[in-house]
Amino acid sequence: MKITDVKSSYLEVTLPKPGLQVAWDPGVIRKFYRYTVVQVFTDGGIVGIGGISGPGKELKVTIDSYVKPYLLGQVVDPFSVEKLSKMIH
């Protein structure tokens, strides 16, 4: 299968006051939850969906500017997630 498109979406949700304290970042109260969703489309009609919470809009810009151009046109096996990860890194 060939990758025909990569779309990313940035989501930011304001959390209710006083915020949220997450276990992996002790002592930090979060006011927002930030998440980037990535969709990878193939010519076979399969759409892969993934996401990451994290830094913010910069991640979406990186995906759109660097990852998408690299992946477009690549012939891949949709079940070889490890191979795709290595390609991107």
C-alpha atoms as a PDB file:
ATOM      1  CA  MET A   1       0.000   0.000   0.000  1.00  0.00           C
ATOM      2  CA  LYS A   2       1.051   3.529  -0.697  1.00  0.00           C
ATOM      3  CA  ILE A   3       0.637   6.475   1.692  1.00  0.00           C
ATOM      4  CA  THR A   4      -1.497   9.089  -0.035  1.00  0.00           C
ATOM      5  CA  ASP A   5      -2.027  11.668   2.719  1.00  0.00           C
ATOM      6  CA  VAL A   6      -1.105  12.561   6.293  1.00  0.00           C
ATOM      7  CA  LYS A   7      -3.334  14.890   8.311  1.00  0.00           C
ATOM      8  CA  SER A   8      -2.666  16.229  11.773  1.00  0.00           C
ATOM      9  CA  SER A   9      -5.018  18.022  14.136  1.00  0.00           C
ATOM     10  CA  TYR A  10      -4.103  19.937  17.261  1.00  0.00           C
ATOM     11  CA  LEU A  11      -6.527  19.885  20.173  1.00  0.00           C
ATOM     12  CA  GLU A  12      -6.333  21.980  23.325  1.00  0.00           C
ATOM     13  CA  VAL A  13      -8.881  21.581  26.094  1.00  0.00           C
ATOM     14  CA  THR A  14      -9.114  23.953  29.045  1.00  0.00           C
ATOM     15  CA  LEU A  15      -9.396  21.884  32.201  1.00  0.00           C
ATOM     16  CA  PRO A  16     -11.785  22.771  35.011  1.00  0.00           C
ATOM     17  CA  LYS A  17     -10.261  24.755  37.836  1.00  0.00           C
ATOM     18  CA  PRO A  18      -8.048  24.168  39.762  1.00  0.00           C
ATOM     19  CA  GLY A  19      -6.596  22.071  36.947  1.00  0.00           C
ATOM     20  CA  LEU A  20      -5.204  18.579  36.823  1.00  0.00           C
ATOM     21  CA  GLN A  21      -2.197  17.040  38.518  1.00  0.00           C
ATOM     22  CA  VAL A  22      -0.912  14.058  36.558  1.00  0.00           C
ATOM     23  CA  ALA A  23       1.039  11.203  38.128  1.00  0.00           C
ATOM     24  CA  TRP A  24       3.979  11.434  35.693  1.00  0.00           C
ATOM     25  CA  ASP A  25       4.646  15.124  36.422  1.00  0.00           C
ATOM     26  CA  PRO A  26       4.391  15.566  40.222  1.00  0.00           C
ATOM     27  CA  GLY A  27       3.929  19.067  41.541  1.00  0.00           C
ATOM     28  CA  VAL A  28       2.725  20.511  38.226  1.00  0.00           C
ATOM     29  CA  ILE A  29      -0.909  21.611  37.920  1.00  0.00           C
ATOM     30  CA  ARG A  30      -2.046  21.575  34.313  1.00  0.00           C
ATOM     31  CA  LYS A  31      -4.556  24.139  33.067  1.00  0.00           C
ATOM     32  CA  PHE A  32      -4.784  22.689  29.564  1.00  0.00           C
ATOM     33  CA  TYR A  33      -4.710  19.268  27.961  1.00  0.00           C
ATOM     34  CA  ARG A  34      -2.904  19.318  24.613  1.00  0.00           C
ATOM     35  CA  TYR A  35      -3.123  16.497  22.101  1.00  0.00           C
ATOM     36  CA  THR A  36      -2.116  16.033  18.455  1.00  0.00           C
ATOM     37  CA  VAL A  37      -4.006  13.457  16.385  1.00  0.00           C
ATOM     38  CA  VAL A  38      -2.392  12.074  13.213  1.00  0.00           C
ATOM     39  CA  GLN A  39      -4.215  10.248  10.413  1.00  0.00           C
ATOM     40  CA  VAL A  40      -2.289   8.345   7.727  1.00  0.00           C
ATOM     41  CA  PHE A  41      -4.274   7.524   4.573  1.00  0.00           C
ATOM     42  CA  THR A  42      -3.409   4.803   2.050  1.00  0.00           C
ATOM     43  CA  ASP A  43      -4.470   4.052  -1.500  1.00  0.00           C
ATOM     44  CA  GLY A  44      -6.013   0.816  -0.168  1.00  0.00           C
ATOM     45  CA  GLY A  45      -8.543   2.743   1.882  1.00  0.00           C
ATOM     46  CA  ILE A  46      -6.905   2.005   5.230  1.00  0.00           C
ATOM     47  CA  VAL A  47      -6.590   4.943   7.604  1.00  0.00           C
ATOM     48  CA  GLY A  48      -4.185   4.717  10.518  1.00  0.00           C
ATOM     49  CA  ILE A  49      -4.869   6.935  13.503  1.00  0.00           C
ATOM     50  CA  GLY A  50      -2.470   7.811  16.288  1.00  0.00           C
ATOM     51  CA  GLY A  51      -1.782  10.602  18.657  1.00  0.00           C
ATOM     52  CA  ILE A  52       0.430  12.092  21.287  1.00  0.00           C
ATOM     53  CA  SER A  53      -0.107  14.463  24.167  1.00  0.00           C
ATOM     54  CA  GLY A  54       2.555  16.998  24.571  1.00  0.00           C
ATOM     55  CA  PRO A  55       4.280  20.130  23.553  1.00  0.00           C
ATOM     56  CA  GLY A  56       1.555  21.879  21.621  1.00  0.00           C
ATOM     57  CA  LYS A  57       1.212  23.393  18.195  1.00  0.00           C
ATOM     58  CA  GLU A  58       4.923  22.898  17.444  1.00  0.00           C
ATOM     59  CA  LEU A  59       4.342  19.162  17.081  1.00  0.00           C
ATOM     60  CA  LYS A  60       1.629  19.706  14.450  1.00  0.00           C
ATOM     61  CA  VAL A  61       3.961  22.021  12.528  1.00  0.00           C
ATOM     62  CA  THR A  62       6.732  19.395  12.651  1.00  0.00           C
ATOM     63  CA  ILE A  63       4.406  16.682  11.364  1.00  0.00           C
ATOM     64  CA  ASP A  64       3.054  18.875   8.569  1.00  0.00           C
ATOM     65  CA  SER A  65       6.466  20.250   7.549  1.00  0.00           C
ATOM     66  CA  TYR A  66       8.764  17.248   7.911  1.00  0.00           C
ATOM     67  CA  VAL A  67       6.983  13.957   8.545  1.00  0.00           C
ATOM     68  CA  LYS A  68       4.202  14.319   5.950  1.00  0.00           C
ATOM     69  CA  PRO A  69       6.520  15.108   2.997  1.00  0.00           C
ATOM     70  CA  TYR A  70       8.747  12.179   3.982  1.00  0.00           C
ATOM     71  CA  LEU A  71       5.877   9.674   4.205  1.00  0.00           C
ATOM     72  CA  LEU A  72       3.895  10.690   1.111  1.00  0.00           C
ATOM     73  CA  GLY A  73       4.336   8.114  -1.647  1.00  0.00           C
ATOM     74  CA  GLN A  74       6.044   5.547   0.606  1.00  0.00           C
ATOM     75  CA  VAL A  75       4.977   1.957  -0.048  1.00  0.00           C
ATOM     76  CA  VAL A  76       4.295   0.333   3.325  1.00  0.00           C
ATOM     77  CA  ASP A  77       2.807  -2.665   5.032  1.00  0.00           C
ATOM     78  CA  PRO A  78       0.155  -1.238   7.397  1.00  0.00           C
ATOM     79  CA  PHE A  79       0.900  -4.008   9.883  1.00  0.00           C
ATOM     80  CA  SER A  80       4.594  -3.068  10.150  1.00  0.00           C
ATOM     81  CA  VAL A  81       4.238  -0.293  12.697  1.00  0.00           C
ATOM     82  CA  GLU A  82       7.849  -0.733  13.844  1.00  0.00           C
ATOM     83  CA  LYS A  83       9.162  -0.176  10.317  1.00  0.00           C
ATOM     84  CA  LEU A  84       7.147   3.050   9.985  1.00  0.00           C
ATOM     85  CA  SER A  85       8.433   4.257  13.345  1.00  0.00           C
ATOM     86  CA  LYS A  86      12.038   3.641  12.278  1.00  0.00           C
ATOM     87  CA  MET A  87      11.418   5.474   8.986  1.00  0.00           C
ATOM     88  CA  ILE A  88      10.231   8.573  10.837  1.00  0.00           C
ATOM     89  CA  HIS A  89      13.000   8.564  13.453  1.00  0.00           C
END
